[in-house]
């Protein structure tokens, strides 16, 4: 019984570590602010008809 509880705690700890890692490993300067202009869309190689 103790081994099952220990294994469950290890799995929970790993899950929490993965969630924490993905939450705080984003952009270096944080999220982009809304007042910054969006980058221009990629240019199409084909002319429009």
C-alpha atoms as a PDB file:
ATOM      1  CA  UNK A   1       0.000   0.000   0.000  1.00  0.00           C
ATOM      2  CA  UNK A   2       2.819   2.392   0.857  1.00  0.00           C
ATOM      3  CA  UNK A   3       4.498   1.787  -2.502  1.00  0.00           C
ATOM      4  CA  UNK A   4       1.280   2.725  -4.334  1.00  0.00           C
ATOM      5  CA  UNK A   5       0.952   5.961  -2.349  1.00  0.00           C
ATOM      6  CA  UNK A   6       4.611   6.786  -2.956  1.00  0.00           C
ATOM      7  CA  UNK A   7       4.223   6.140  -6.679  1.00  0.00           C
ATOM      8  CA  UNK A   8       1.061   8.271  -6.821  1.00  0.00           C
ATOM      9  CA  UNK A   9       2.859  11.135  -5.064  1.00  0.00           C
ATOM     10  CA  UNK A  10       5.770  10.860  -7.482  1.00  0.00           C
ATOM     11  CA  UNK A  11       3.383  11.001 -10.442  1.00  0.00           C
ATOM     12  CA  UNK A  12       1.589  14.009  -8.951  1.00  0.00           C
ATOM     13  CA  UNK A  13       4.905  15.759  -8.353  1.00  0.00           C
ATOM     14  CA  UNK A  14       5.982  15.108 -11.936  1.00  0.00           C
ATOM     15  CA  UNK A  15       2.656  16.437 -13.236  1.00  0.00           C
ATOM     16  CA  UNK A  16       2.957  19.601 -11.162  1.00  0.00           C
ATOM     17  CA  UNK A  17       6.539  20.110 -12.335  1.00  0.00           C
ATOM     18  CA  UNK A  18       5.510  19.772 -15.989  1.00  0.00           C
ATOM     19  CA  UNK A  19       2.651  22.249 -15.544  1.00  0.00           C
ATOM     20  CA  UNK A  20       4.914  24.725 -13.734  1.00  0.00           C
ATOM     21  CA  UNK A  21       7.625  24.362 -16.375  1.00  0.00           C
ATOM     22  CA  UNK A  22       5.229  25.023 -19.255  1.00  0.00           C
ATOM     23  CA  UNK A  23       3.591  27.996 -17.532  1.00  0.00           C
ATOM     24  CA  UNK A  24       6.802  29.910 -16.879  1.00  0.00           C
ATOM     25  CA  UNK A  25       8.974  29.020 -19.866  1.00  0.00           C
ATOM     26  CA  UNK A  26       7.339  31.413 -22.342  1.00  0.00           C
ATOM     27  CA  UNK A  27       8.775  34.455 -24.033  1.00  0.00           C
ATOM     28  CA  UNK A  28      11.782  36.087 -22.414  1.00  0.00           C
ATOM     29  CA  UNK A  29      10.103  39.520 -22.247  1.00  0.00           C
ATOM     30  CA  UNK A  30       6.698  38.197 -21.298  1.00  0.00           C
ATOM     31  CA  UNK A  31       3.614  38.282 -23.440  1.00  0.00           C
ATOM     32  CA  UNK A  32       3.285  40.835 -26.215  1.00  0.00           C
ATOM     33  CA  UNK A  33       1.363  43.940 -25.188  1.00  0.00           C
ATOM     34  CA  UNK A  34      -1.795  44.842 -27.098  1.00  0.00           C
ATOM     35  CA  UNK A  35      -0.559  48.340 -28.027  1.00  0.00           C
ATOM     36  CA  UNK A  36       2.313  46.943 -30.082  1.00  0.00           C
ATOM     37  CA  UNK A  37       1.545  46.593 -33.790  1.00  0.00           C
ATOM     38  CA  UNK A  38       1.152  43.113 -35.173  1.00  0.00           C
ATOM     39  CA  UNK A  39       3.837  41.893 -37.570  1.00  0.00           C
ATOM     40  CA  UNK A  40       2.930  42.199 -41.266  1.00  0.00           C
ATOM     41  CA  UNK A  41       1.378  39.139 -42.901  1.00  0.00           C
ATOM     42  CA  UNK A  42       3.686  36.997 -45.034  1.00  0.00           C
ATOM     43  CA  UNK A  43       3.933  38.052 -48.676  1.00  0.00           C
ATOM     44  CA  UNK A  44       2.350  35.780 -51.265  1.00  0.00           C
ATOM     45  CA  UNK A  45       4.564  34.688 -54.139  1.00  0.00           C
ATOM     46  CA  UNK A  46       1.653  34.401 -56.585  1.00  0.00           C
ATOM     47  CA  UNK A  47      -0.013  37.553 -57.944  1.00  0.00           C
ATOM     48  CA  UNK A  48      -3.710  37.982 -57.207  1.00  0.00           C
ATOM     49  CA  UNK A  49      -6.115  37.685 -60.094  1.00  0.00           C
END
